[in-house]
Amino acid sequence: MNITDTNLPLFTDPEITGFNDVLYYESSLLRRGYNRPAGIDEAGRGPLAGPVVAAAVIMPAGITIPGVKDSKKMTEKAREVAFSVITETAAAIGVGVVSHKIIDKSNILVSSLEAMKLAVLAIDPAPEFLLVDGIHKIPILIPQQCIIKGDQLCHSISAASIIAKVYRDRIMLSYDMMFPEYGFSRNKGYGTAEHLKAIREKGACPIHRSTFRGVR
């Protein structure tokens, strides 16, 4: 028997091969009988203020949206445009928000996973399988796979990253009107030099994460 690397590939994981099919994970699940896979991602683990927000997105089978990728690699304008297209195209979207108060009572990892759980629970009927960005599974009884750099490799996770980021940014813009001295419209709660200076001079405001370095 003549074995070639064509019919016996050494690696099948796109993270290893660099295979650039953004529907690889969704297509694999569809072939296994999972018709409603959802991509899950969060935004807001690092900021010093505001909530952590997660999104769950189910895309129609075989559909990709041009320009949708890891939200961190997009401009604010591009994210806003993509947000509108995703909300019009997606089969289902769920969003979960966990406040700064809960983050301070537990920790940011637990809070991020809780936000992801809430996002999944917001979808009815529930997803049949979860594709989760990162290395930590969501505490929910639905089959799931964690994907390192999932927001770059998996289209539905990329879409979720955009929904979560834009949703959270809009929350921070609202907070900026309440606490304009901290520059939330510009920094979205992240620890920029301007933001840290404002905390030193004025102290923390009610939406700051009191347990985070730079605030406490």
N, C-alpha and C. Protein backbone atom coordinates (compact mmCIF):
# COMPACT_ATOMS: atom_id res chain seq x y z
N MET A 1 0.86 -1.21 0.00
CA MET A 1 0.00 0.00 0.00
C MET A 1 0.88 1.24 0.00
N ASN A 2 0.57 2.15 -0.88
CA ASN A 2 1.33 3.39 -0.99
C ASN A 2 0.71 4.47 -0.12
N ILE A 3 1.34 4.77 1.00
CA ILE A 3 0.82 5.78 1.92
C ILE A 3 1.48 7.11 1.63
N THR A 4 0.68 8.12 1.39
CA THR A 4 1.22 9.46 1.14
C THR A 4 0.66 10.42 2.17
N ASP A 5 1.29 11.58 2.28
CA ASP A 5 0.79 12.56 3.24
C ASP A 5 -0.51 13.19 2.78
N THR A 6 -0.96 12.85 1.57
CA THR A 6 -2.24 13.34 1.09
C THR A 6 -3.40 12.59 1.75
N ASN A 7 -3.25 11.25 1.84
CA ASN A 7 -4.34 10.49 2.44
C ASN A 7 -4.12 10.16 3.90
N LEU A 8 -2.95 10.54 4.44
CA LEU A 8 -2.68 10.32 5.86
C LEU A 8 -1.93 11.53 6.41
N PRO A 9 -2.65 12.64 6.59
CA PRO A 9 -1.99 13.84 7.10
C PRO A 9 -1.44 13.63 8.50
N LEU A 10 -0.29 14.21 8.78
CA LEU A 10 0.33 14.05 10.09
C LEU A 10 -0.47 14.76 11.17
N PHE A 11 -0.97 15.96 10.86
CA PHE A 11 -1.76 16.74 11.81
C PHE A 11 -3.10 17.10 11.19
N THR A 12 -4.14 17.12 12.01
CA THR A 12 -5.46 17.53 11.53
C THR A 12 -5.99 18.76 12.25
N ASP A 13 -5.29 19.20 13.27
CA ASP A 13 -5.74 20.34 14.06
C ASP A 13 -5.27 21.63 13.40
N PRO A 14 -6.20 22.57 13.07
CA PRO A 14 -5.81 23.80 12.39
C PRO A 14 -4.88 24.66 13.21
N GLU A 15 -4.90 24.52 14.55
CA GLU A 15 -3.99 25.30 15.38
C GLU A 15 -2.55 24.87 15.14
N ILE A 16 -2.35 23.62 14.74
CA ILE A 16 -1.01 23.12 14.50
C ILE A 16 -0.59 23.35 13.06
N THR A 17 -1.50 23.09 12.13
CA THR A 17 -1.14 23.17 10.71
C THR A 17 -1.18 24.58 10.16
N GLY A 18 -1.88 25.48 10.86
CA GLY A 18 -2.06 26.82 10.32
C GLY A 18 -3.17 26.87 9.29
N PHE A 19 -3.95 25.80 9.18
CA PHE A 19 -5.06 25.71 8.23
C PHE A 19 -5.99 26.90 8.45
N ASN A 20 -6.39 27.55 7.36
CA ASN A 20 -7.07 28.84 7.49
C ASN A 20 -8.56 28.74 7.18
N ASP A 21 -9.21 27.71 7.62
CA ASP A 21 -10.64 27.56 7.42
C ASP A 21 -11.35 28.01 8.70
N VAL A 22 -11.94 29.20 8.68
CA VAL A 22 -12.55 29.75 9.90
C VAL A 22 -13.84 29.02 10.28
N LEU A 23 -14.34 28.15 9.39
CA LEU A 23 -15.52 27.34 9.71
C LEU A 23 -15.15 25.90 10.03
N TYR A 24 -13.87 25.65 10.23
CA TYR A 24 -13.40 24.28 10.50
C TYR A 24 -14.15 23.66 11.69
N TYR A 25 -14.20 24.36 12.82
CA TYR A 25 -14.81 23.79 14.02
C TYR A 25 -16.31 23.64 13.86
N GLU A 26 -16.98 24.66 13.33
CA GLU A 26 -18.42 24.57 13.13
C GLU A 26 -18.77 23.43 12.16
N SER A 27 -18.00 23.32 11.06
CA SER A 27 -18.27 22.28 10.06
C SER A 27 -18.06 20.89 10.65
N SER A 28 -17.02 20.74 11.46
CA SER A 28 -16.76 19.46 12.10
C SER A 28 -17.91 19.05 13.01
N LEU A 29 -18.45 20.03 13.74
CA LEU A 29 -19.57 19.73 14.64
C LEU A 29 -20.84 19.39 13.86
N LEU A 30 -21.07 20.08 12.76
CA LEU A 30 -22.24 19.78 11.94
C LEU A 30 -22.17 18.35 11.40
N ARG A 31 -20.99 17.92 11.01
CA ARG A 31 -20.83 16.55 10.52
C ARG A 31 -21.08 15.53 11.62
N ARG A 32 -20.88 15.94 12.87
CA ARG A 32 -21.11 15.05 14.01
C ARG A 32 -22.56 15.14 14.52
N GLY A 33 -23.37 15.96 13.88
CA GLY A 33 -24.78 16.03 14.24
C GLY A 33 -25.17 17.17 15.16
N TYR A 34 -24.22 18.05 15.46
CA TYR A 34 -24.54 19.23 16.27
C TYR A 34 -24.94 20.38 15.34
N ASN A 35 -26.24 20.68 15.30
CA ASN A 35 -26.75 21.65 14.33
C ASN A 35 -26.77 23.08 14.83
N ARG A 36 -26.55 23.27 16.14
CA ARG A 36 -26.59 24.64 16.69
C ARG A 36 -25.35 24.89 17.58
N PRO A 37 -24.16 24.90 16.97
CA PRO A 37 -22.97 25.24 17.76
C PRO A 37 -22.89 26.75 17.97
N ALA A 38 -22.47 27.15 19.15
CA ALA A 38 -22.34 28.57 19.47
C ALA A 38 -20.89 28.90 19.79
N GLY A 39 -20.43 30.02 19.28
CA GLY A 39 -19.12 30.55 19.65
C GLY A 39 -19.28 31.46 20.86
N ILE A 40 -18.34 31.37 21.80
CA ILE A 40 -18.43 32.13 23.04
C ILE A 40 -17.14 32.89 23.28
N ASP A 41 -17.25 34.17 23.62
CA ASP A 41 -16.07 34.96 24.00
C ASP A 41 -16.50 36.06 24.95
N GLU A 42 -15.51 36.68 25.60
CA GLU A 42 -15.80 37.75 26.56
C GLU A 42 -14.95 38.98 26.25
N ALA A 43 -15.33 40.08 26.86
CA ALA A 43 -14.57 41.34 26.78
C ALA A 43 -14.57 41.97 28.16
N GLY A 44 -13.41 42.49 28.56
CA GLY A 44 -13.37 43.24 29.81
C GLY A 44 -12.74 42.53 30.98
N ARG A 45 -11.82 41.60 30.73
CA ARG A 45 -11.13 40.96 31.85
C ARG A 45 -10.10 41.88 32.48
N GLY A 46 -9.46 42.72 31.67
CA GLY A 46 -8.34 43.51 32.16
C GLY A 46 -8.62 44.89 32.71
N PRO A 47 -9.75 45.52 32.37
CA PRO A 47 -9.98 46.90 32.82
C PRO A 47 -10.05 47.04 34.34
N LEU A 48 -9.89 48.29 34.79
CA LEU A 48 -9.96 48.62 36.21
C LEU A 48 -11.37 49.02 36.63
N ALA A 49 -12.25 49.17 35.65
CA ALA A 49 -13.61 49.63 35.96
C ALA A 49 -14.61 48.97 35.02
N GLY A 50 -15.84 48.89 35.49
CA GLY A 50 -16.93 48.38 34.66
C GLY A 50 -17.06 46.87 34.70
N PRO A 51 -18.04 46.36 33.96
CA PRO A 51 -18.35 44.93 33.99
C PRO A 51 -17.48 44.11 33.05
N VAL A 52 -17.59 42.80 33.17
CA VAL A 52 -17.10 41.90 32.13
C VAL A 52 -18.33 41.44 31.36
N VAL A 53 -18.21 41.39 30.03
CA VAL A 53 -19.33 41.08 29.16
C VAL A 53 -18.96 39.90 28.27
N ALA A 54 -19.86 38.96 28.12
CA ALA A 54 -19.64 37.82 27.24
C ALA A 54 -20.77 37.74 26.22
N ALA A 55 -20.46 37.11 25.09
CA ALA A 55 -21.47 36.90 24.06
C ALA A 55 -21.40 35.47 23.56
N ALA A 56 -22.56 34.94 23.19
CA ALA A 56 -22.68 33.64 22.54
C ALA A 56 -23.37 33.87 21.20
N VAL A 57 -22.78 33.36 20.13
CA VAL A 57 -23.31 33.61 18.79
C VAL A 57 -23.44 32.28 18.04
N ILE A 58 -24.64 32.04 17.51
CA ILE A 58 -24.88 30.92 16.60
C ILE A 58 -25.05 31.50 15.20
N MET A 59 -24.17 31.10 14.29
CA MET A 59 -24.27 31.56 12.91
C MET A 59 -24.99 30.52 12.06
N PRO A 60 -25.70 30.95 11.02
CA PRO A 60 -26.29 29.97 10.10
C PRO A 60 -25.20 29.09 9.48
N ALA A 61 -25.50 27.84 9.26
CA ALA A 61 -24.50 26.88 8.75
C ALA A 61 -23.89 27.37 7.44
N GLY A 62 -22.58 27.35 7.39
CA GLY A 62 -21.86 27.68 6.16
C GLY A 62 -21.71 29.15 5.86
N ILE A 63 -22.21 30.01 6.73
CA ILE A 63 -22.19 31.45 6.47
C ILE A 63 -21.00 32.11 7.17
N THR A 64 -20.26 32.92 6.41
CA THR A 64 -19.23 33.77 7.00
C THR A 64 -19.53 35.22 6.64
N ILE A 65 -19.10 36.12 7.51
CA ILE A 65 -19.30 37.55 7.29
C ILE A 65 -17.94 38.18 6.99
N PRO A 66 -17.76 38.77 5.82
CA PRO A 66 -16.48 39.39 5.49
C PRO A 66 -16.08 40.44 6.53
N GLY A 67 -14.81 40.42 6.90
CA GLY A 67 -14.30 41.41 7.84
C GLY A 67 -14.41 41.02 9.30
N VAL A 68 -15.14 39.94 9.60
CA VAL A 68 -15.28 39.49 10.98
C VAL A 68 -14.03 38.71 11.37
N LYS A 69 -13.37 39.16 12.43
CA LYS A 69 -12.17 38.51 12.94
C LYS A 69 -12.03 38.86 14.41
N ASP A 70 -10.91 38.52 15.00
CA ASP A 70 -10.65 38.87 16.40
C ASP A 70 -10.90 40.37 16.60
N SER A 71 -11.80 40.70 17.52
CA SER A 71 -12.19 42.10 17.72
C SER A 71 -11.00 42.99 18.07
N LYS A 72 -9.98 42.41 18.73
CA LYS A 72 -8.81 43.19 19.13
C LYS A 72 -8.00 43.65 17.93
N LYS A 73 -8.21 43.01 16.78
CA LYS A 73 -7.46 43.35 15.57
C LYS A 73 -8.27 44.22 14.62
N MET A 74 -9.36 44.79 15.13
CA MET A 74 -10.24 45.63 14.32
C MET A 74 -10.30 47.04 14.90
N THR A 75 -10.55 48.01 14.04
CA THR A 75 -10.76 49.37 14.51
C THR A 75 -12.14 49.48 15.14
N GLU A 76 -12.34 50.52 15.91
CA GLU A 76 -13.65 50.71 16.55
C GLU A 76 -14.75 50.84 15.49
N LYS A 77 -14.46 51.57 14.41
CA LYS A 77 -15.45 51.74 13.35
C LYS A 77 -15.78 50.40 12.69
N ALA A 78 -14.75 49.59 12.44
CA ALA A 78 -14.97 48.28 11.80
C ALA A 78 -15.78 47.37 12.71
N ARG A 79 -15.52 47.45 14.02
CA ARG A 79 -16.30 46.63 14.95
C ARG A 79 -17.77 47.03 14.96
N GLU A 80 -18.03 48.33 14.91
CA GLU A 80 -19.42 48.80 14.91
C GLU A 80 -20.16 48.32 13.66
N VAL A 81 -19.49 48.38 12.52
CA VAL A 81 -20.10 47.91 11.28
C VAL A 81 -20.37 46.41 11.37
N ALA A 82 -19.36 45.66 11.83
CA ALA A 82 -19.52 44.21 11.95
C ALA A 82 -20.60 43.84 12.95
N PHE A 83 -20.70 44.59 14.04
CA PHE A 83 -21.74 44.35 15.05
C PHE A 83 -23.12 44.38 14.40
N SER A 84 -23.37 45.39 13.57
CA SER A 84 -24.67 45.51 12.91
C SER A 84 -24.93 44.34 11.97
N VAL A 85 -23.92 43.94 11.21
CA VAL A 85 -24.10 42.84 10.26
C VAL A 85 -24.31 41.52 11.01
N ILE A 86 -23.56 41.31 12.08
CA ILE A 86 -23.71 40.07 12.86
C ILE A 86 -25.11 39.98 13.45
N THR A 87 -25.61 41.07 14.03
CA THR A 87 -26.94 41.04 14.65
C THR A 87 -28.03 40.79 13.60
N GLU A 88 -27.79 41.18 12.35
CA GLU A 88 -28.76 40.94 11.29
C GLU A 88 -28.66 39.53 10.73
N THR A 89 -27.47 38.93 10.81
CA THR A 89 -27.21 37.65 10.14
C THR A 89 -27.29 36.45 11.05
N ALA A 90 -26.89 36.60 12.29
CA ALA A 90 -26.78 35.46 13.22
C ALA A 90 -28.13 34.76 13.42
N ALA A 91 -28.06 33.45 13.63
CA ALA A 91 -29.27 32.70 13.95
C ALA A 91 -29.74 32.99 15.37
N ALA A 92 -28.78 33.27 16.26
CA ALA A 92 -29.12 33.60 17.65
C ALA A 92 -27.92 34.27 18.31
N ILE A 93 -28.21 35.20 19.22
CA ILE A 93 -27.17 35.89 19.98
C ILE A 93 -27.62 35.99 21.44
N GLY A 94 -26.72 35.70 22.35
CA GLY A 94 -26.98 35.91 23.78
C GLY A 94 -25.85 36.74 24.38
N VAL A 95 -26.18 37.58 25.32
CA VAL A 95 -25.19 38.43 25.99
C VAL A 95 -25.31 38.25 27.50
N GLY A 96 -24.17 38.15 28.17
CA GLY A 96 -24.15 38.07 29.63
C GLY A 96 -23.27 39.16 30.21
N VAL A 97 -23.73 39.80 31.26
CA VAL A 97 -22.99 40.90 31.90
C VAL A 97 -22.84 40.61 33.37
N VAL A 98 -21.61 40.71 33.88
CA VAL A 98 -21.34 40.54 35.31
C VAL A 98 -20.68 41.81 35.82
N SER A 99 -21.23 42.39 36.85
CA SER A 99 -20.83 43.72 37.31
C SER A 99 -19.50 43.72 38.04
N HIS A 100 -18.96 44.92 38.20
CA HIS A 100 -17.72 45.10 38.95
C HIS A 100 -17.87 44.63 40.41
N LYS A 101 -19.08 44.73 40.95
CA LYS A 101 -19.31 44.29 42.34
C LYS A 101 -19.10 42.78 42.48
N ILE A 102 -19.61 42.03 41.50
CA ILE A 102 -19.44 40.57 41.53
C ILE A 102 -17.98 40.21 41.29
N ILE A 103 -17.33 40.94 40.40
CA ILE A 103 -15.90 40.70 40.14
C ILE A 103 -15.10 40.85 41.42
N ASP A 104 -15.40 41.89 42.20
CA ASP A 104 -14.69 42.12 43.45
C ASP A 104 -15.00 41.05 44.50
N LYS A 105 -16.21 40.50 44.47
CA LYS A 105 -16.58 39.49 45.46
C LYS A 105 -15.98 38.12 45.13
N SER A 106 -15.78 37.84 43.87
CA SER A 106 -15.21 36.54 43.49
C SER A 106 -13.83 36.77 42.91
N ASN A 107 -13.69 36.70 41.63
CA ASN A 107 -12.48 37.09 40.92
C ASN A 107 -12.82 37.20 39.44
N ILE A 108 -11.90 37.68 38.65
CA ILE A 108 -12.23 37.97 37.26
C ILE A 108 -12.43 36.70 36.44
N LEU A 109 -11.72 35.62 36.74
CA LEU A 109 -11.92 34.38 35.99
C LEU A 109 -13.31 33.81 36.25
N VAL A 110 -13.67 33.69 37.51
CA VAL A 110 -15.00 33.18 37.87
C VAL A 110 -16.09 34.06 37.25
N SER A 111 -15.89 35.37 37.30
CA SER A 111 -16.87 36.31 36.76
C SER A 111 -16.97 36.20 35.24
N SER A 112 -15.85 36.01 34.57
CA SER A 112 -15.85 35.85 33.12
C SER A 112 -16.62 34.60 32.70
N LEU A 113 -16.39 33.50 33.40
CA LEU A 113 -17.09 32.26 33.10
C LEU A 113 -18.58 32.38 33.40
N GLU A 114 -18.92 33.13 34.46
CA GLU A 114 -20.33 33.37 34.77
C GLU A 114 -20.99 34.20 33.67
N ALA A 115 -20.29 35.21 33.16
CA ALA A 115 -20.83 36.02 32.06
C ALA A 115 -21.06 35.14 30.83
N MET A 116 -20.12 34.24 30.55
CA MET A 116 -20.29 33.32 29.42
C MET A 116 -21.50 32.42 29.63
N LYS A 117 -21.66 31.91 30.85
CA LYS A 117 -22.82 31.07 31.16
C LYS A 117 -24.12 31.84 30.94
N LEU A 118 -24.17 33.07 31.41
CA LEU A 118 -25.37 33.89 31.23
C LEU A 118 -25.66 34.14 29.75
N ALA A 119 -24.60 34.33 28.96
CA ALA A 119 -24.78 34.54 27.52
C ALA A 119 -25.40 33.31 26.87
N VAL A 120 -24.92 32.15 27.25
CA VAL A 120 -25.46 30.89 26.71
C VAL A 120 -26.91 30.71 27.13
N LEU A 121 -27.21 30.98 28.40
CA LEU A 121 -28.57 30.81 28.90
C LEU A 121 -29.55 31.79 28.26
N ALA A 122 -29.03 32.87 27.69
CA ALA A 122 -29.90 33.86 27.04
C ALA A 122 -30.39 33.40 25.68
N ILE A 123 -29.84 32.30 25.17
CA ILE A 123 -30.26 31.76 23.87
C ILE A 123 -31.30 30.67 24.08
N ASP A 124 -32.42 30.79 23.39
CA ASP A 124 -33.51 29.81 23.50
C ASP A 124 -34.05 29.51 22.09
N PRO A 125 -34.00 28.26 21.63
CA PRO A 125 -33.50 27.08 22.34
C PRO A 125 -31.98 27.12 22.51
N ALA A 126 -31.51 26.37 23.49
CA ALA A 126 -30.10 26.41 23.86
C ALA A 126 -29.21 25.86 22.74
N PRO A 127 -27.98 26.33 22.66
CA PRO A 127 -27.02 25.75 21.72
C PRO A 127 -26.80 24.27 22.03
N GLU A 128 -26.43 23.50 21.00
CA GLU A 128 -26.17 22.08 21.19
C GLU A 128 -24.72 21.80 21.55
N PHE A 129 -23.85 22.76 21.24
CA PHE A 129 -22.42 22.60 21.52
C PHE A 129 -21.82 23.99 21.64
N LEU A 130 -20.81 24.13 22.51
CA LEU A 130 -20.18 25.42 22.74
C LEU A 130 -18.72 25.39 22.30
N LEU A 131 -18.33 26.40 21.54
CA LEU A 131 -16.94 26.61 21.16
C LEU A 131 -16.46 27.82 21.94
N VAL A 132 -15.57 27.58 22.90
CA VAL A 132 -15.22 28.59 23.90
C VAL A 132 -13.80 29.10 23.67
N ASP A 133 -13.65 30.40 23.61
CA ASP A 133 -12.32 30.98 23.49
C ASP A 133 -11.53 30.77 24.78
N GLY A 134 -10.29 30.32 24.65
CA GLY A 134 -9.44 30.17 25.82
C GLY A 134 -9.27 28.74 26.27
N ILE A 135 -8.99 28.57 27.57
CA ILE A 135 -8.67 27.24 28.11
C ILE A 135 -9.62 26.78 29.22
N HIS A 136 -10.59 27.61 29.58
CA HIS A 136 -11.46 27.29 30.70
C HIS A 136 -12.88 26.99 30.23
N LYS A 137 -13.41 25.84 30.62
CA LYS A 137 -14.76 25.48 30.25
C LYS A 137 -15.78 26.26 31.07
N ILE A 138 -16.93 26.46 30.46
CA ILE A 138 -18.03 27.16 31.12
C ILE A 138 -18.76 26.18 32.05
N PRO A 139 -19.12 26.63 33.27
CA PRO A 139 -19.83 25.73 34.20
C PRO A 139 -21.29 25.54 33.81
N ILE A 140 -21.49 24.74 32.76
CA ILE A 140 -22.84 24.49 32.27
C ILE A 140 -22.85 23.12 31.61
N LEU A 141 -23.98 22.41 31.68
CA LEU A 141 -24.06 21.04 31.18
C LEU A 141 -24.41 21.00 29.70
N ILE A 142 -23.53 21.56 28.89
CA ILE A 142 -23.64 21.50 27.43
C ILE A 142 -22.27 21.08 26.92
N PRO A 143 -22.19 20.14 25.97
CA PRO A 143 -20.89 19.75 25.43
C PRO A 143 -20.14 20.97 24.90
N GLN A 144 -18.83 21.00 25.13
CA GLN A 144 -18.06 22.18 24.73
C GLN A 144 -16.61 21.85 24.47
N GLN A 145 -15.98 22.72 23.72
CA GLN A 145 -14.56 22.61 23.42
C GLN A 145 -13.91 23.97 23.61
N CYS A 146 -12.81 24.00 24.35
CA CYS A 146 -12.04 25.23 24.51
C CYS A 146 -11.02 25.32 23.39
N ILE A 147 -10.87 26.51 22.81
CA ILE A 147 -9.96 26.71 21.69
C ILE A 147 -9.04 27.88 22.00
N ILE A 148 -7.76 27.60 22.14
CA ILE A 148 -6.78 28.66 22.34
C ILE A 148 -6.73 29.52 21.09
N LYS A 149 -6.78 30.84 21.28
CA LYS A 149 -6.86 31.79 20.17
C LYS A 149 -8.09 31.54 19.30
N GLY A 150 -9.16 31.09 19.95
CA GLY A 150 -10.39 30.81 19.22
C GLY A 150 -10.94 32.02 18.49
N ASP A 151 -10.71 33.22 19.03
CA ASP A 151 -11.22 34.42 18.37
C ASP A 151 -10.51 34.70 17.05
N GLN A 152 -9.39 34.02 16.81
CA GLN A 152 -8.70 34.13 15.53
C GLN A 152 -8.99 32.95 14.60
N LEU A 153 -9.35 31.80 15.18
CA LEU A 153 -9.45 30.56 14.40
C LEU A 153 -10.87 30.16 14.05
N CYS A 154 -11.84 30.65 14.78
CA CYS A 154 -13.21 30.15 14.68
C CYS A 154 -14.16 31.31 14.43
N HIS A 155 -14.94 31.23 13.35
CA HIS A 155 -15.75 32.37 12.91
C HIS A 155 -16.81 32.77 13.94
N SER A 156 -17.48 31.79 14.52
CA SER A 156 -18.53 32.15 15.48
C SER A 156 -17.94 32.75 16.75
N ILE A 157 -16.73 32.32 17.14
CA ILE A 157 -16.07 32.95 18.30
C ILE A 157 -15.64 34.37 17.95
N SER A 158 -15.13 34.57 16.72
CA SER A 158 -14.79 35.93 16.29
C SER A 158 -16.00 36.84 16.36
N ALA A 159 -17.14 36.33 15.90
CA ALA A 159 -18.37 37.12 15.96
C ALA A 159 -18.75 37.43 17.40
N ALA A 160 -18.60 36.45 18.28
CA ALA A 160 -18.91 36.67 19.69
C ALA A 160 -17.98 37.70 20.31
N SER A 161 -16.71 37.68 19.90
CA SER A 161 -15.76 38.66 20.44
C SER A 161 -16.17 40.08 20.07
N ILE A 162 -16.70 40.25 18.86
CA ILE A 162 -17.14 41.58 18.41
C ILE A 162 -18.38 42.01 19.17
N ILE A 163 -19.35 41.13 19.30
CA ILE A 163 -20.57 41.47 20.03
C ILE A 163 -20.24 41.86 21.47
N ALA A 164 -19.41 41.07 22.13
CA ALA A 164 -19.07 41.36 23.52
C ALA A 164 -18.33 42.67 23.66
N LYS A 165 -17.36 42.91 22.77
CA LYS A 165 -16.55 44.13 22.84
C LYS A 165 -17.40 45.38 22.60
N VAL A 166 -18.20 45.38 21.55
CA VAL A 166 -19.02 46.56 21.24
C VAL A 166 -20.06 46.80 22.33
N TYR A 167 -20.69 45.74 22.81
CA TYR A 167 -21.68 45.87 23.87
C TYR A 167 -21.05 46.50 25.11
N ARG A 168 -19.87 45.99 25.49
CA ARG A 168 -19.20 46.54 26.67
C ARG A 168 -18.76 47.98 26.44
N ASP A 169 -18.24 48.27 25.28
CA ASP A 169 -17.82 49.65 24.99
C ASP A 169 -18.99 50.62 25.13
N ARG A 170 -20.16 50.19 24.71
CA ARG A 170 -21.34 51.06 24.82
C ARG A 170 -21.72 51.27 26.29
N ILE A 171 -21.56 50.25 27.09
CA ILE A 171 -21.79 50.41 28.53
C ILE A 171 -20.83 51.46 29.10
N MET A 172 -19.55 51.37 28.71
CA MET A 172 -18.55 52.30 29.24
C MET A 172 -18.79 53.72 28.74
N LEU A 173 -19.33 53.87 27.54
CA LEU A 173 -19.68 55.21 27.06
C LEU A 173 -20.79 55.82 27.91
N SER A 174 -21.72 54.99 28.35
CA SER A 174 -22.78 55.47 29.25
C SER A 174 -22.20 55.88 30.60
N TYR A 175 -21.25 55.08 31.11
CA TYR A 175 -20.60 55.43 32.37
C TYR A 175 -19.78 56.71 32.25
N ASP A 176 -19.27 56.97 31.06
CA ASP A 176 -18.49 58.19 30.86
C ASP A 176 -19.34 59.44 31.10
N MET A 177 -20.62 59.36 30.77
CA MET A 177 -21.50 60.50 31.01
C MET A 177 -21.75 60.70 32.50
N MET A 178 -21.64 59.62 33.28
CA MET A 178 -21.85 59.72 34.73
C MET A 178 -20.58 60.13 35.46
N PHE A 179 -19.43 59.67 34.94
CA PHE A 179 -18.14 59.94 35.59
C PHE A 179 -17.13 60.43 34.55
N PRO A 180 -17.35 61.61 33.97
CA PRO A 180 -16.53 62.08 32.84
C PRO A 180 -15.06 62.31 33.19
N GLU A 181 -14.75 62.49 34.46
CA GLU A 181 -13.37 62.81 34.84
C GLU A 181 -12.40 61.65 34.65
N TYR A 182 -12.91 60.44 34.41
CA TYR A 182 -12.02 59.27 34.28
C TYR A 182 -11.74 58.89 32.82
N GLY A 183 -12.37 59.57 31.89
CA GLY A 183 -12.09 59.31 30.48
C GLY A 183 -12.54 57.96 29.96
N PHE A 184 -13.65 57.44 30.50
CA PHE A 184 -14.10 56.11 30.11
C PHE A 184 -14.44 56.01 28.62
N SER A 185 -14.82 57.12 28.00
CA SER A 185 -15.13 57.08 26.57
C SER A 185 -13.89 56.77 25.74
N ARG A 186 -12.73 57.09 26.29
CA ARG A 186 -11.46 56.84 25.58
C ARG A 186 -10.79 55.54 26.03
N ASN A 187 -10.76 55.29 27.32
CA ASN A 187 -10.00 54.13 27.81
C ASN A 187 -10.85 52.90 28.07
N LYS A 188 -12.18 53.05 28.06
CA LYS A 188 -13.11 51.94 28.31
C LYS A 188 -12.83 51.22 29.63
N GLY A 189 -12.19 51.94 30.57
CA GLY A 189 -11.91 51.36 31.87
C GLY A 189 -10.53 50.76 32.02
N TYR A 190 -9.78 50.68 30.93
CA TYR A 190 -8.42 50.12 31.01
C TYR A 190 -7.47 51.10 31.70
N GLY A 191 -6.39 50.58 32.22
CA GLY A 191 -5.47 51.37 33.04
C GLY A 191 -4.50 52.20 32.25
N THR A 192 -4.99 53.13 31.46
CA THR A 192 -4.12 54.05 30.74
C THR A 192 -3.50 55.05 31.72
N ALA A 193 -2.47 55.74 31.25
CA ALA A 193 -1.82 56.73 32.10
C ALA A 193 -2.81 57.79 32.56
N GLU A 194 -3.67 58.22 31.65
CA GLU A 194 -4.69 59.22 31.98
C GLU A 194 -5.64 58.70 33.06
N HIS A 195 -6.06 57.47 32.91
CA HIS A 195 -7.00 56.87 33.86
C HIS A 195 -6.36 56.70 35.23
N LEU A 196 -5.14 56.19 35.27
CA LEU A 196 -4.44 55.99 36.54
C LEU A 196 -4.20 57.32 37.26
N LYS A 197 -3.89 58.35 36.50
CA LYS A 197 -3.69 59.69 37.07
C LYS A 197 -4.98 60.19 37.71
N ALA A 198 -6.10 59.97 37.02
CA ALA A 198 -7.39 60.40 37.56
C ALA A 198 -7.73 59.67 38.86
N ILE A 199 -7.41 58.38 38.92
CA ILE A 199 -7.66 57.62 40.15
C ILE A 199 -6.81 58.16 41.30
N ARG A 200 -5.55 58.45 41.02
CA ARG A 200 -4.66 58.98 42.07
C ARG A 200 -5.15 60.33 42.58
N GLU A 201 -5.65 61.15 41.69
CA GLU A 201 -6.05 62.51 42.07
C GLU A 201 -7.45 62.58 42.67
N LYS A 202 -8.36 61.75 42.17
CA LYS A 202 -9.77 61.87 42.57
C LYS A 202 -10.26 60.67 43.38
N GLY A 203 -9.45 59.60 43.42
CA GLY A 203 -9.91 58.38 44.06
C GLY A 203 -10.78 57.57 43.13
N ALA A 204 -11.17 56.40 43.56
CA ALA A 204 -12.00 55.52 42.73
C ALA A 204 -13.45 55.99 42.71
N CYS A 205 -14.13 55.71 41.62
CA CYS A 205 -15.56 56.01 41.52
C CYS A 205 -16.36 54.73 41.77
N PRO A 206 -17.68 54.82 41.82
CA PRO A 206 -18.48 53.64 42.19
C PRO A 206 -18.38 52.45 41.25
N ILE A 207 -17.89 52.61 40.02
CA ILE A 207 -17.82 51.45 39.12
C ILE A 207 -16.40 50.88 39.03
N HIS A 208 -15.47 51.39 39.80
CA HIS A 208 -14.12 50.82 39.79
C HIS A 208 -14.10 49.47 40.49
N ARG A 209 -13.19 48.60 40.02
CA ARG A 209 -12.99 47.29 40.63
C ARG A 209 -11.99 47.47 41.78
N SER A 210 -12.50 47.49 42.97
CA SER A 210 -11.71 47.87 44.13
C SER A 210 -10.59 46.88 44.45
N THR A 211 -10.67 45.65 43.94
CA THR A 211 -9.65 44.65 44.23
C THR A 211 -8.52 44.65 43.21
N PHE A 212 -8.62 45.46 42.16
CA PHE A 212 -7.62 45.46 41.11
C PHE A 212 -6.45 46.39 41.43
N ARG A 213 -5.26 45.94 41.11
CA ARG A 213 -4.08 46.79 41.28
C ARG A 213 -4.22 48.01 40.40
N GLY A 214 -3.91 49.15 40.94
CA GLY A 214 -4.12 50.41 40.24
C GLY A 214 -5.32 51.15 40.79
N VAL A 215 -6.23 50.40 41.45
CA VAL A 215 -7.41 50.99 42.09
C VAL A 215 -7.25 50.95 43.60
N ARG A 216 -6.88 49.78 44.12
CA ARG A 216 -6.77 49.62 45.57
C ARG A 216 -5.55 50.36 46.12
